[in-house]
Amino acid sequence: MFGDSKAFSGFAVRDLAEARAFYEGVLGLGVSELPMGLLELRLGSGAAVIVYPKPDFQPATYTILNFPVADVDAAVDRLRAAGIGMERYEGLGQDERGISRADGGPTIAWFTDPSGNILSVLDDGPA
């Protein structure tokens, strides 16, 4: 039914200017302003994500955006150099840098945007 649709996802943030500075300036994503006070994040896959302000904003309690990378360790190093801390979750076997290498799961590390939404970098699989 929607196989040819140009579907997109979206999420809320506390402050659009703060979000733009983070997603564009820190993470290096393409960011455009859209009508009605929205931002569009352009991902390397050609997909787009809409970001919108929400007056009664509460951060998501789950991962809203995953960034597959060839080297999770290097990505964590770059995030930490940019002043971004890694999140820690009980029972996920994370190392001292916050990277989970649990059996049966991907190598993954979580961090948050300035609004507290959860993001991750994870192994994009074998080369």
PDB file of N, CA and C in Angstrom:
ATOM      1  N   MET A   1       0.809  -1.199   0.000  1.00  0.00           N
ATOM      2  CA  MET A   1       0.000   0.000   0.000  1.00  0.00           C
ATOM      3  C   MET A   1       0.859   1.273   0.000  1.00  0.00           C
ATOM      4  N   PHE A   2       1.929   1.293   0.794  1.00  0.00           N
ATOM      5  CA  PHE A   2       2.763   2.488   0.888  1.00  0.00           C
ATOM      6  C   PHE A   2       4.170   2.257   0.357  1.00  0.00           C
ATOM      7  N   GLY A   3       4.365   1.251  -0.463  1.00  0.00           N
ATOM      8  CA  GLY A   3       5.687   0.893  -0.959  1.00  0.00           C
ATOM      9  C   GLY A   3       6.410   2.013  -1.682  1.00  0.00           C
ATOM     10  N   ASP A   4       5.684   2.910  -2.321  1.00  0.00           N
ATOM     11  CA  ASP A   4       6.310   4.017  -3.044  1.00  0.00           C
ATOM     12  C   ASP A   4       6.264   5.318  -2.266  1.00  0.00           C
ATOM     13  N   SER A   5       5.813   5.257  -1.026  1.00  0.00           N
ATOM     14  CA  SER A   5       5.688   6.453  -0.200  1.00  0.00           C
ATOM     15  C   SER A   5       7.049   7.021   0.161  1.00  0.00           C
ATOM     16  N   LYS A   6       7.115   8.324   0.303  1.00  0.00           N
ATOM     17  CA  LYS A   6       8.335   8.977   0.790  1.00  0.00           C
ATOM     18  C   LYS A   6       8.156   9.238   2.280  1.00  0.00           C
ATOM     19  N   ALA A   7       7.952   8.160   3.017  1.00  0.00           N
ATOM     20  CA  ALA A   7       7.711   8.238   4.456  1.00  0.00           C
ATOM     21  C   ALA A   7       8.915   8.833   5.167  1.00  0.00           C
ATOM     22  N   PHE A   8       8.669   9.421   6.306  1.00  0.00           N
ATOM     23  CA  PHE A   8       9.731   9.980   7.128  1.00  0.00           C
ATOM     24  C   PHE A   8       9.335   9.836   8.580  1.00  0.00           C
ATOM     25  N   SER A   9      10.309   9.984   9.421  1.00  0.00           N
ATOM     26  CA  SER A   9      10.092   9.891  10.854  1.00  0.00           C
ATOM     27  C   SER A   9      10.280  11.269  11.464  1.00  0.00           C
ATOM     28  N   GLY A  10       9.937  11.397  12.726  1.00  0.00           N
ATOM     29  CA  GLY A  10      10.127  12.664  13.411  1.00  0.00           C
ATOM     30  C   GLY A  10      10.227  12.452  14.909  1.00  0.00           C
ATOM     31  N   PHE A  11      10.781  13.453  15.580  1.00  0.00           N
ATOM     32  CA  PHE A  11      10.830  13.430  17.029  1.00  0.00           C
ATOM     33  C   PHE A  11      10.859  14.857  17.550  1.00  0.00           C
ATOM     34  N   ALA A  12      10.510  15.000  18.808  1.00  0.00           N
ATOM     35  CA  ALA A  12      10.438  16.314  19.444  1.00  0.00           C
ATOM     36  C   ALA A  12      11.716  16.638  20.194  1.00  0.00           C
ATOM     37  N   VAL A  13      11.968  17.940  20.353  1.00  0.00           N
ATOM     38  CA  VAL A  13      13.081  18.451  21.143  1.00  0.00           C
ATOM     39  C   VAL A  13      12.589  19.621  21.989  1.00  0.00           C
ATOM     40  N   ARG A  14      13.388  19.976  22.946  1.00  0.00           N
ATOM     41  CA  ARG A  14      13.076  21.090  23.837  1.00  0.00           C
ATOM     42  C   ARG A  14      13.292  22.425  23.132  1.00  0.00           C
ATOM     43  N   ASP A  15      14.368  22.526  22.310  1.00  0.00           N
ATOM     44  CA  ASP A  15      14.767  23.796  21.716  1.00  0.00           C
ATOM     45  C   ASP A  15      15.360  23.544  20.330  1.00  0.00           C
ATOM     46  N   LEU A  16      14.780  24.162  19.291  1.00  0.00           N
ATOM     47  CA  LEU A  16      15.242  23.915  17.923  1.00  0.00           C
ATOM     48  C   LEU A  16      16.650  24.448  17.654  1.00  0.00           C
ATOM     49  N   ALA A  17      16.981  25.615  18.155  1.00  0.00           N
ATOM     50  CA  ALA A  17      18.311  26.174  17.916  1.00  0.00           C
ATOM     51  C   ALA A  17      19.385  25.279  18.536  1.00  0.00           C
ATOM     52  N   GLU A  18      19.121  24.808  19.737  1.00  0.00           N
ATOM     53  CA  GLU A  18      20.036  23.904  20.425  1.00  0.00           C
ATOM     54  C   GLU A  18      20.173  22.584  19.649  1.00  0.00           C
ATOM     55  N   ALA A  19      19.042  22.073  19.154  1.00  0.00           N
ATOM     56  CA  ALA A  19      19.053  20.835  18.374  1.00  0.00           C
ATOM     57  C   ALA A  19      19.836  21.022  17.081  1.00  0.00           C
ATOM     58  N   ARG A  20      19.614  22.140  16.404  1.00  0.00           N
ATOM     59  CA  ARG A  20      20.336  22.382  15.145  1.00  0.00           C
ATOM     60  C   ARG A  20      21.843  22.437  15.392  1.00  0.00           C
ATOM     61  N   ALA A  21      22.249  23.154  16.421  1.00  0.00           N
ATOM     62  CA  ALA A  21      23.679  23.262  16.733  1.00  0.00           C
ATOM     63  C   ALA A  21      24.281  21.881  16.978  1.00  0.00           C
ATOM     64  N   PHE A  22      23.557  21.012  17.652  1.00  0.00           N
ATOM     65  CA  PHE A  22      24.053  19.674  17.961  1.00  0.00           C
ATOM     66  C   PHE A  22      24.092  18.778  16.720  1.00  0.00           C
ATOM     67  N   TYR A  23      22.961  18.652  16.037  1.00  0.00           N
ATOM     68  CA  TYR A  23      22.884  17.720  14.914  1.00  0.00           C
ATOM     69  C   TYR A  23      23.733  18.163  13.731  1.00  0.00           C
ATOM     70  N   GLU A  24      23.808  19.463  13.499  1.00  0.00           N
ATOM     71  CA  GLU A  24      24.603  19.977  12.389  1.00  0.00           C
ATOM     72  C   GLU A  24      26.063  20.190  12.802  1.00  0.00           C
ATOM     73  N   GLY A  25      26.269  20.909  13.886  1.00  0.00           N
ATOM     74  CA  GLY A  25      27.612  21.296  14.286  1.00  0.00           C
ATOM     75  C   GLY A  25      28.429  20.192  14.918  1.00  0.00           C
ATOM     76  N   VAL A  26      27.799  19.337  15.721  1.00  0.00           N
ATOM     77  CA  VAL A  26      28.521  18.281  16.430  1.00  0.00           C
ATOM     78  C   VAL A  26      28.494  16.963  15.644  1.00  0.00           C
ATOM     79  N   LEU A  27      27.296  16.525  15.238  1.00  0.00           N
ATOM     80  CA  LEU A  27      27.188  15.241  14.545  1.00  0.00           C
ATOM     81  C   LEU A  27      27.454  15.341  13.049  1.00  0.00           C
ATOM     82  N   GLY A  28      27.427  16.556  12.496  1.00  0.00           N
ATOM     83  CA  GLY A  28      27.757  16.740  11.086  1.00  0.00           C
ATOM     84  C   GLY A  28      26.660  16.357  10.108  1.00  0.00           C
ATOM     85  N   LEU A  29      25.416  16.338  10.555  1.00  0.00           N
ATOM     86  CA  LEU A  29      24.306  16.031   9.652  1.00  0.00           C
ATOM     87  C   LEU A  29      23.909  17.271   8.870  1.00  0.00           C
ATOM     88  N   GLY A  30      23.346  17.065   7.691  1.00  0.00           N
ATOM     89  CA  GLY A  30      22.747  18.169   6.963  1.00  0.00           C
ATOM     90  C   GLY A  30      21.454  18.551   7.666  1.00  0.00           C
ATOM     91  N   VAL A  31      21.249  19.831   7.890  1.00  0.00           N
ATOM     92  CA  VAL A  31      20.050  20.309   8.576  1.00  0.00           C
ATOM     93  C   VAL A  31      19.461  21.465   7.779  1.00  0.00           C
ATOM     94  N   SER A  32      18.155  21.422   7.548  1.00  0.00           N
ATOM     95  CA  SER A  32      17.436  22.494   6.858  1.00  0.00           C
ATOM     96  C   SER A  32      16.286  22.963   7.726  1.00  0.00           C
ATOM     97  N   GLU A  33      15.978  24.245   7.599  1.00  0.00           N
ATOM     98  CA  GLU A  33      14.785  24.774   8.262  1.00  0.00           C
ATOM     99  C   GLU A  33      13.605  24.582   7.330  1.00  0.00           C
ATOM    100  N   LEU A  34      12.503  24.139   7.885  1.00  0.00           N
ATOM    101  CA  LEU A  34      11.272  23.942   7.139  1.00  0.00           C
ATOM    102  C   LEU A  34      10.220  24.927   7.646  1.00  0.00           C
ATOM    103  N   PRO A  35       9.158  25.120   6.871  1.00  0.00           N
ATOM    104  CA  PRO A  35       8.076  25.981   7.349  1.00  0.00           C
ATOM    105  C   PRO A  35       7.492  25.473   8.671  1.00  0.00           C
ATOM    106  N   MET A  36       6.817  26.336   9.352  1.00  0.00           N
ATOM    107  CA  MET A  36       6.122  26.027  10.610  1.00  0.00           C
ATOM    108  C   MET A  36       7.082  25.698  11.747  1.00  0.00           C
ATOM    109  N   GLY A  37       8.321  26.182  11.692  1.00  0.00           N
ATOM    110  CA  GLY A  37       9.241  25.984  12.798  1.00  0.00           C
ATOM    111  C   GLY A  37       9.738  24.571  12.964  1.00  0.00           C
ATOM    112  N   LEU A  38      10.053  23.910  11.866  1.00  0.00           N
ATOM    113  CA  LEU A  38      10.558  22.537  11.895  1.00  0.00           C
ATOM    114  C   LEU A  38      11.983  22.501  11.346  1.00  0.00           C
ATOM    115  N   LEU A  39      12.702  21.464  11.717  1.00  0.00           N
ATOM    116  CA  LEU A  39      13.996  21.173  11.122  1.00  0.00           C
ATOM    117  C   LEU A  39      13.904  19.845  10.397  1.00  0.00           C
ATOM    118  N   GLU A  40      14.699  19.694   9.360  1.00  0.00           N
ATOM    119  CA  GLU A  40      14.827  18.418   8.670  1.00  0.00           C
ATOM    120  C   GLU A  40      16.282  17.981   8.780  1.00  0.00           C
ATOM    121  N   LEU A  41      16.490  16.795   9.328  1.00  0.00           N
ATOM    122  CA  LEU A  41      17.822  16.195   9.381  1.00  0.00           C
ATOM    123  C   LEU A  41      17.955  15.301   8.159  1.00  0.00           C
ATOM    124  N   ARG A  42      19.032  15.462   7.412  1.00  0.00           N
ATOM    125  CA  ARG A  42      19.283  14.605   6.262  1.00  0.00           C
ATOM    126  C   ARG A  42      20.334  13.578   6.646  1.00  0.00           C
ATOM    127  N   LEU A  43      19.965  12.327   6.525  1.00  0.00           N
ATOM    128  CA  LEU A  43      20.847  11.229   6.904  1.00  0.00           C
ATOM    129  C   LEU A  43      21.589  10.725   5.670  1.00  0.00           C
ATOM    130  N   GLY A  44      22.722  10.093   5.877  1.00  0.00           N
ATOM    131  CA  GLY A  44      23.542   9.605   4.780  1.00  0.00           C
ATOM    132  C   GLY A  44      22.836   8.636   3.857  1.00  0.00           C
ATOM    133  N   SER A  45      21.814   7.973   4.341  1.00  0.00           N
ATOM    134  CA  SER A  45      21.077   7.000   3.542  1.00  0.00           C
ATOM    135  C   SER A  45      20.114   7.656   2.576  1.00  0.00           C
ATOM    136  N   GLY A  46      20.001   8.974   2.640  1.00  0.00           N
ATOM    137  CA  GLY A  46      19.029   9.684   1.818  1.00  0.00           C
ATOM    138  C   GLY A  46      17.716   9.909   2.544  1.00  0.00           C
ATOM    139  N   ALA A  47      17.573   9.323   3.705  1.00  0.00           N
ATOM    140  CA  ALA A  47      16.357   9.496   4.497  1.00  0.00           C
ATOM    141  C   ALA A  47      16.381  10.855   5.193  1.00  0.00           C
ATOM    142  N   ALA A  48      15.212  11.289   5.596  1.00  0.00           N
ATOM    143  CA  ALA A  48      15.092  12.548   6.333  1.00  0.00           C
ATOM    144  C   ALA A  48      14.296  12.302   7.608  1.00  0.00           C
ATOM    145  N   VAL A  49      14.609  13.073   8.621  1.00  0.00           N
ATOM    146  CA  VAL A  49      13.895  13.019   9.897  1.00  0.00           C
ATOM    147  C   VAL A  49      13.485  14.449  10.231  1.00  0.00           C
ATOM    148  N   ILE A  50      12.233  14.612  10.623  1.00  0.00           N
ATOM    149  CA  ILE A  50      11.720  15.920  11.002  1.00  0.00           C
ATOM    150  C   ILE A  50      11.904  16.101  12.508  1.00  0.00           C
ATOM    151  N   VAL A  51      12.361  17.280  12.907  1.00  0.00           N
ATOM    152  CA  VAL A  51      12.544  17.613  14.316  1.00  0.00           C
ATOM    153  C   VAL A  51      11.649  18.813  14.606  1.00  0.00           C
ATOM    154  N   TYR A  52      10.882  18.712  15.675  1.00  0.00           N
ATOM    155  CA  TYR A  52       9.932  19.775  15.987  1.00  0.00           C
ATOM    156  C   TYR A  52       9.990  20.115  17.472  1.00  0.00           C
ATOM    157  N   PRO A  53       9.719  21.376  17.803  1.00  0.00           N
ATOM    158  CA  PRO A  53       9.692  21.756  19.213  1.00  0.00           C
ATOM    159  C   PRO A  53       8.369  21.334  19.838  1.00  0.00           C
ATOM    160  N   LYS A  54       8.404  21.029  21.100  1.00  0.00           N
ATOM    161  CA  LYS A  54       7.198  20.635  21.818  1.00  0.00           C
ATOM    162  C   LYS A  54       7.210  21.344  23.168  1.00  0.00           C
ATOM    163  N   PRO A  55       6.211  22.184  23.427  1.00  0.00           N
ATOM    164  CA  PRO A  55       6.217  22.972  24.661  1.00  0.00           C
ATOM    165  C   PRO A  55       6.315  22.146  25.943  1.00  0.00           C
ATOM    166  N   ASP A  56       5.646  21.014  26.001  1.00  0.00           N
ATOM    167  CA  ASP A  56       5.671  20.174  27.204  1.00  0.00           C
ATOM    168  C   ASP A  56       6.603  18.978  26.997  1.00  0.00           C
ATOM    169  N   PHE A  57       7.708  19.225  26.310  1.00  0.00           N
ATOM    170  CA  PHE A  57       8.639  18.181  25.902  1.00  0.00           C
ATOM    171  C   PHE A  57       9.107  17.313  27.063  1.00  0.00           C
ATOM    172  N   GLN A  58       9.146  16.015  26.805  1.00  0.00           N
ATOM    173  CA  GLN A  58       9.774  15.024  27.674  1.00  0.00           C
ATOM    174  C   GLN A  58      10.644  14.157  26.770  1.00  0.00           C
ATOM    175  N   PRO A  59      11.908  13.921  27.126  1.00  0.00           N
ATOM    176  CA  PRO A  59      12.758  13.111  26.243  1.00  0.00           C
ATOM    177  C   PRO A  59      12.248  11.679  26.121  1.00  0.00           C
ATOM    178  N   ALA A  60      12.524  11.092  24.974  1.00  0.00           N
ATOM    179  CA  ALA A  60      12.172   9.695  24.751  1.00  0.00           C
ATOM    180  C   ALA A  60      12.960   8.815  25.718  1.00  0.00           C
ATOM    181  N   THR A  61      12.358   7.738  26.141  1.00  0.00           N
ATOM    182  CA  THR A  61      13.018   6.803  27.067  1.00  0.00           C
ATOM    183  C   THR A  61      13.580   5.590  26.314  1.00  0.00           C
ATOM    184  N   TYR A  62      13.665   5.701  25.020  1.00  0.00           N
ATOM    185  CA  TYR A  62      14.152   4.641  24.146  1.00  0.00           C
ATOM    186  C   TYR A  62      15.017   5.290  23.068  1.00  0.00           C
ATOM    187  N   THR A  63      15.755   4.496  22.333  1.00  0.00           N
ATOM    188  CA  THR A  63      16.630   5.012  21.286  1.00  0.00           C
ATOM    189  C   THR A  63      15.795   5.507  20.117  1.00  0.00           C
ATOM    190  N   ILE A  64      15.949   6.795  19.776  1.00  0.00           N
ATOM    191  CA  ILE A  64      15.155   7.364  18.685  1.00  0.00           C
ATOM    192  C   ILE A  64      15.894   7.384  17.356  1.00  0.00           C
ATOM    193  N   LEU A  65      17.233   7.305  17.404  1.00  0.00           N
ATOM    194  CA  LEU A  65      18.007   7.391  16.177  1.00  0.00           C
ATOM    195  C   LEU A  65      19.297   6.600  16.369  1.00  0.00           C
ATOM    196  N   ASN A  66      19.574   5.701  15.428  1.00  0.00           N
ATOM    197  CA  ASN A  66      20.766   4.857  15.471  1.00  0.00           C
ATOM    198  C   ASN A  66      21.680   5.232  14.316  1.00  0.00           C
ATOM    199  N   PHE A  67      22.967   5.333  14.601  1.00  0.00           N
ATOM    200  CA  PHE A  67      23.957   5.649  13.584  1.00  0.00           C
ATOM    201  C   PHE A  67      24.886   4.458  13.403  1.00  0.00           C
ATOM    202  N   PRO A  68      24.670   3.626  12.355  1.00  0.00           N
ATOM    203  CA  PRO A  68      25.596   2.533  12.083  1.00  0.00           C
ATOM    204  C   PRO A  68      26.949   3.112  11.662  1.00  0.00           C
ATOM    205  N   VAL A  69      28.019   2.587  12.251  1.00  0.00           N
ATOM    206  CA  VAL A  69      29.374   3.052  11.959  1.00  0.00           C
ATOM    207  C   VAL A  69      30.294   1.855  11.770  1.00  0.00           C
ATOM    208  N   ALA A  70      31.381   2.064  11.045  1.00  0.00           N
ATOM    209  CA  ALA A  70      32.338   0.986  10.811  1.00  0.00           C
ATOM    210  C   ALA A  70      33.154   0.672  12.057  1.00  0.00           C
ATOM    211  N   ASP A  71      33.341   1.668  12.936  1.00  0.00           N
ATOM    212  CA  ASP A  71      34.192   1.491  14.109  1.00  0.00           C
ATOM    213  C   ASP A  71      33.550   2.206  15.304  1.00  0.00           C
ATOM    214  N   VAL A  72      32.875   1.455  16.145  1.00  0.00           N
ATOM    215  CA  VAL A  72      32.193   2.034  17.309  1.00  0.00           C
ATOM    216  C   VAL A  72      33.198   2.691  18.246  1.00  0.00           C
ATOM    217  N   ASP A  73      34.352   2.063  18.461  1.00  0.00           N
ATOM    218  CA  ASP A  73      35.362   2.643  19.343  1.00  0.00           C
ATOM    219  C   ASP A  73      35.785   4.030  18.859  1.00  0.00           C
ATOM    220  N   ALA A  74      36.044   4.165  17.562  1.00  0.00           N
ATOM    221  CA  ALA A  74      36.458   5.456  16.999  1.00  0.00           C
ATOM    222  C   ALA A  74      35.328   6.476  17.111  1.00  0.00           C
ATOM    223  N   ALA A  75      34.094   6.042  16.870  1.00  0.00           N
ATOM    224  CA  ALA A  75      32.953   6.959  16.979  1.00  0.00           C
ATOM    225  C   ALA A  75      32.788   7.448  18.414  1.00  0.00           C
ATOM    226  N   VAL A  76      32.944   6.550  19.378  1.00  0.00           N
ATOM    227  CA  VAL A  76      32.861   6.939  20.786  1.00  0.00           C
ATOM    228  C   VAL A  76      33.986   7.916  21.119  1.00  0.00           C
ATOM    229  N   ASP A  77      35.175   7.681  20.600  1.00  0.00           N
ATOM    230  CA  ASP A  77      36.288   8.620  20.826  1.00  0.00           C
ATOM    231  C   ASP A  77      35.943  10.004  20.298  1.00  0.00           C
ATOM    232  N   ARG A  78      35.372  10.069  19.096  1.00  0.00           N
ATOM    233  CA  ARG A  78      35.015  11.373  18.513  1.00  0.00           C
ATOM    234  C   ARG A  78      33.905  12.050  19.313  1.00  0.00           C
ATOM    235  N   LEU A  79      32.916  11.287  19.747  1.00  0.00           N
ATOM    236  CA  LEU A  79      31.835  11.856  20.562  1.00  0.00           C
ATOM    237  C   LEU A  79      32.383  12.389  21.879  1.00  0.00           C
ATOM    238  N   ARG A  80      33.210  11.608  22.522  1.00  0.00           N
ATOM    239  CA  ARG A  80      33.792  12.044  23.804  1.00  0.00           C
ATOM    240  C   ARG A  80      34.666  13.277  23.624  1.00  0.00           C
ATOM    241  N   ALA A  81      35.417  13.345  22.526  1.00  0.00           N
ATOM    242  CA  ALA A  81      36.249  14.524  22.247  1.00  0.00           C
ATOM    243  C   ALA A  81      35.384  15.771  22.045  1.00  0.00           C
ATOM    244  N   ALA A  82      34.151  15.566  21.590  1.00  0.00           N
ATOM    245  CA  ALA A  82      33.209  16.675  21.400  1.00  0.00           C
ATOM    246  C   ALA A  82      32.466  17.009  22.693  1.00  0.00           C
ATOM    247  N   GLY A  83      32.825  16.331  23.791  1.00  0.00           N
ATOM    248  CA  GLY A  83      32.203  16.611  25.078  1.00  0.00           C
ATOM    249  C   GLY A  83      30.927  15.844  25.351  1.00  0.00           C
ATOM    250  N   ILE A  84      30.680  14.808  24.580  1.00  0.00           N
ATOM    251  CA  ILE A  84      29.465  14.009  24.741  1.00  0.00           C
ATOM    252  C   ILE A  84      29.784  12.772  25.568  1.00  0.00           C
ATOM    253  N   GLY A  85      29.038  12.570  26.642  1.00  0.00           N
ATOM    254  CA  GLY A  85      29.216  11.400  27.487  1.00  0.00           C
ATOM    255  C   GLY A  85      28.371  10.238  27.008  1.00  0.00           C
ATOM    256  N   MET A  86      28.828   9.056  27.280  1.00  0.00           N
ATOM    257  CA  MET A  86      28.075   7.854  26.925  1.00  0.00           C
ATOM    258  C   MET A  86      27.133   7.497  28.075  1.00  0.00           C
ATOM    259  N   GLU A  87      25.953   7.043  27.712  1.00  0.00           N
ATOM    260  CA  GLU A  87      24.963   6.624  28.701  1.00  0.00           C
ATOM    261  C   GLU A  87      25.293   5.215  29.181  1.00  0.00           C
ATOM    262  N   ARG A  88      24.855   4.900  30.384  1.00  0.00           N
ATOM    263  CA  ARG A  88      25.074   3.564  30.951  1.00  0.00           C
ATOM    264  C   ARG A  88      23.728   2.968  31.338  1.00  0.00           C
ATOM    265  N   TYR A  89      23.570   1.697  31.023  1.00  0.00           N
ATOM    266  CA  TYR A  89      22.337   0.986  31.323  1.00  0.00           C
ATOM    267  C   TYR A  89      22.671  -0.317  32.042  1.00  0.00           C
ATOM    268  N   GLU A  90      21.997  -0.544  33.126  1.00  0.00           N
ATOM    269  CA  GLU A  90      22.200  -1.739  33.954  1.00  0.00           C
ATOM    270  C   GLU A  90      21.982  -3.009  33.137  1.00  0.00           C
ATOM    271  N   GLY A  91      22.894  -3.950  33.281  1.00  0.00           N
ATOM    272  CA  GLY A  91      22.728  -5.273  32.691  1.00  0.00           C
ATOM    273  C   GLY A  91      23.109  -5.404  31.227  1.00  0.00           C
ATOM    274  N   LEU A  92      23.681  -4.355  30.617  1.00  0.00           N
ATOM    275  CA  LEU A  92      24.025  -4.439  29.199  1.00  0.00           C
ATOM    276  C   LEU A  92      25.507  -4.694  28.946  1.00  0.00           C
ATOM    277  N   GLY A  93      26.253  -4.975  30.006  1.00  0.00           N
ATOM    278  CA  GLY A  93      27.644  -5.361  29.851  1.00  0.00           C
ATOM    279  C   GLY A  93      28.519  -4.307  29.195  1.00  0.00           C
ATOM    280  N   GLN A  94      28.309  -3.064  29.525  1.00  0.00           N
ATOM    281  CA  GLN A  94      29.106  -1.998  28.927  1.00  0.00           C
ATOM    282  C   GLN A  94      30.493  -1.916  29.565  1.00  0.00           C
ATOM    283  N   ASP A  95      31.494  -1.595  28.744  1.00  0.00           N
ATOM    284  CA  ASP A  95      32.847  -1.439  29.262  1.00  0.00           C
ATOM    285  C   ASP A  95      33.004  -0.055  29.897  1.00  0.00           C
ATOM    286  N   GLU A  96      34.223   0.269  30.314  1.00  0.00           N
ATOM    287  CA  GLU A  96      34.472   1.540  31.011  1.00  0.00           C
ATOM    288  C   GLU A  96      34.178   2.757  30.139  1.00  0.00           C
ATOM    289  N   ARG A  97      34.125   2.587  28.817  1.00  0.00           N
ATOM    290  CA  ARG A  97      33.827   3.689  27.906  1.00  0.00           C
ATOM    291  C   ARG A  97      32.351   3.763  27.543  1.00  0.00           C
ATOM    292  N   GLY A  98      31.561   2.815  28.052  1.00  0.00           N
ATOM    293  CA  GLY A  98      30.125   2.809  27.781  1.00  0.00           C
ATOM    294  C   GLY A  98      29.730   1.990  26.573  1.00  0.00           C
ATOM    295  N   ILE A  99      30.638   1.189  26.046  1.00  0.00           N
ATOM    296  CA  ILE A  99      30.352   0.380  24.860  1.00  0.00           C
ATOM    297  C   ILE A  99      29.909  -1.011  25.287  1.00  0.00           C
ATOM    298  N   SER A 100      28.782  -1.455  24.754  1.00  0.00           N
ATOM    299  CA  SER A 100      28.273  -2.797  25.012  1.00  0.00           C
ATOM    300  C   SER A 100      28.732  -3.716  23.892  1.00  0.00           C
ATOM    301  N   ARG A 101      29.327  -4.826  24.296  1.00  0.00           N
ATOM    302  CA  ARG A 101      29.769  -5.846  23.341  1.00  0.00           C
ATOM    303  C   ARG A 101      29.133  -7.180  23.718  1.00  0.00           C
ATOM    304  N   ALA A 102      27.880  -7.121  24.100  1.00  0.00           N
ATOM    305  CA  ALA A 102      27.160  -8.292  24.604  1.00  0.00           C
ATOM    306  C   ALA A 102      27.036  -9.373  23.537  1.00  0.00           C
ATOM    307  N   ASP A 103      27.165 -10.632  23.979  1.00  0.00           N
ATOM    308  CA  ASP A 103      26.971 -11.758  23.070  1.00  0.00           C
ATOM    309  C   ASP A 103      25.573 -11.696  22.475  1.00  0.00           C
ATOM    310  N   GLY A 104      25.493 -11.907  21.170  1.00  0.00           N
ATOM    311  CA  GLY A 104      24.207 -11.946  20.490  1.00  0.00           C
ATOM    312  C   GLY A 104      23.681 -10.583  20.081  1.00  0.00           C
ATOM    313  N   GLY A 105      24.352  -9.523  20.487  1.00  0.00           N
ATOM    314  CA  GLY A 105      23.896  -8.179  20.115  1.00  0.00           C
ATOM    315  C   GLY A 105      24.997  -7.425  19.406  1.00  0.00           C
ATOM    316  N   PRO A 106      24.653  -6.289  18.838  1.00  0.00           N
ATOM    317  CA  PRO A 106      25.685  -5.505  18.159  1.00  0.00           C
ATOM    318  C   PRO A 106      26.587  -4.799  19.161  1.00  0.00           C
ATOM    319  N   THR A 107      27.753  -4.414  18.719  1.00  0.00           N
ATOM    320  CA  THR A 107      28.585  -3.513  19.502  1.00  0.00           C
ATOM    321  C   THR A 107      27.906  -2.163  19.399  1.00  0.00           C
ATOM    322  N   ILE A 108      27.564  -1.566  20.553  1.00  0.00           N
ATOM    323  CA  ILE A 108      26.726  -0.359  20.550  1.00  0.00           C
ATOM    324  C   ILE A 108      27.061   0.516  21.755  1.00  0.00           C
ATOM    325  N   ALA A 109      26.893   1.820  21.580  1.00  0.00           N
ATOM    326  CA  ALA A 109      27.042   2.778  22.676  1.00  0.00           C
ATOM    327  C   ALA A 109      25.954   3.833  22.515  1.00  0.00           C
ATOM    328  N   TRP A 110      25.423   4.278  23.636  1.00  0.00           N
ATOM    329  CA  TRP A 110      24.331   5.244  23.625  1.00  0.00           C
ATOM    330  C   TRP A 110      24.795   6.588  24.157  1.00  0.00           C
ATOM    331  N   PHE A 111      24.180   7.640  23.633  1.00  0.00           N
ATOM    332  CA  PHE A 111      24.426   9.002  24.092  1.00  0.00           C
ATOM    333  C   PHE A 111      23.133   9.784  23.914  1.00  0.00           C
ATOM    334  N   THR A 112      23.083  11.001  24.404  1.00  0.00           N
ATOM    335  CA  THR A 112      21.853  11.780  24.279  1.00  0.00           C
ATOM    336  C   THR A 112      22.113  13.088  23.551  1.00  0.00           C
ATOM    337  N   ASP A 113      21.046  13.605  22.948  1.00  0.00           N
ATOM    338  CA  ASP A 113      21.114  14.943  22.361  1.00  0.00           C
ATOM    339  C   ASP A 113      20.890  15.959  23.482  1.00  0.00           C
ATOM    340  N   PRO A 114      20.993  17.258  23.221  1.00  0.00           N
ATOM    341  CA  PRO A 114      20.834  18.247  24.288  1.00  0.00           C
ATOM    342  C   PRO A 114      19.464  18.213  24.974  1.00  0.00           C
ATOM    343  N   SER A 115      18.464  17.640  24.307  1.00  0.00           N
ATOM    344  CA  SER A 115      17.137  17.527  24.902  1.00  0.00           C
ATOM    345  C   SER A 115      16.976  16.272  25.741  1.00  0.00           C
ATOM    346  N   GLY A 116      17.969  15.375  25.710  1.00  0.00           N
ATOM    347  CA  GLY A 116      17.899  14.136  26.476  1.00  0.00           C
ATOM    348  C   GLY A 116      17.368  12.952  25.692  1.00  0.00           C
ATOM    349  N   ASN A 117      17.097  13.123  24.382  1.00  0.00           N
ATOM    350  CA  ASN A 117      16.672  11.996  23.545  1.00  0.00           C
ATOM    351  C   ASN A 117      17.854  11.044  23.376  1.00  0.00           C
ATOM    352  N   ILE A 118      17.585   9.748  23.371  1.00  0.00           N
ATOM    353  CA  ILE A 118      18.635   8.737  23.313  1.00  0.00           C
ATOM    354  C   ILE A 118      18.975   8.399  21.855  1.00  0.00           C
ATOM    355  N   LEU A 119      20.275   8.417  21.560  1.00  0.00           N
ATOM    356  CA  LEU A 119      20.815   8.082  20.244  1.00  0.00           C
ATOM    357  C   LEU A 119      21.856   6.983  20.446  1.00  0.00           C
ATOM    358  N   SER A 120      22.237   6.330  19.355  1.00  0.00           N
ATOM    359  CA  SER A 120      23.297   5.325  19.490  1.00  0.00           C
ATOM    360  C   SER A 120      24.214   5.323  18.277  1.00  0.00           C
ATOM    361  N   VAL A 121      25.416   4.828  18.520  1.00  0.00           N
ATOM    362  CA  VAL A 121      26.316   4.408  17.447  1.00  0.00           C
ATOM    363  C   VAL A 121      26.439   2.898  17.602  1.00  0.00           C
ATOM    364  N   LEU A 122      26.320   2.177  16.499  1.00  0.00           N
ATOM    365  CA  LEU A 122      26.414   0.727  16.564  1.00  0.00           C
ATOM    366  C   LEU A 122      27.148   0.199  15.361  1.00  0.00           C
ATOM    367  N   ASP A 123      27.718  -0.971  15.525  1.00  0.00           N
ATOM    368  CA  ASP A 123      28.495  -1.633  14.479  1.00  0.00           C
ATOM    369  C   ASP A 123      27.611  -1.856  13.270  1.00  0.00           C
ATOM    370  N   ASP A 124      28.093  -1.410  12.108  1.00  0.00           N
ATOM    371  CA  ASP A 124      27.290  -1.573  10.896  1.00  0.00           C
ATOM    372  C   ASP A 124      27.453  -2.945  10.260  1.00  0.00           C
ATOM    373  N   GLY A 125      28.122  -3.841  10.967  1.00  0.00           N
ATOM    374  CA  GLY A 125      28.231  -5.224  10.496  1.00  0.00           C
ATOM    375  C   GLY A 125      29.542  -5.485   9.790  1.00  0.00           C
ATOM    376  N   PRO A 126      29.728  -6.718   9.339  1.00  0.00           N
ATOM    377  CA  PRO A 126      30.987  -7.099   8.697  1.00  0.00           C
ATOM    378  C   PRO A 126      31.188  -6.325   7.397  1.00  0.00           C
ATOM    379  N   ALA A 127      32.452  -6.030   7.117  1.00  0.00           N
ATOM    380  CA  ALA A 127      32.786  -5.268   5.890  1.00  0.00           C
ATOM    381  C   ALA A 127      32.597  -6.105   4.658  1.00  0.00           C
TER     382      ALA A 127
END
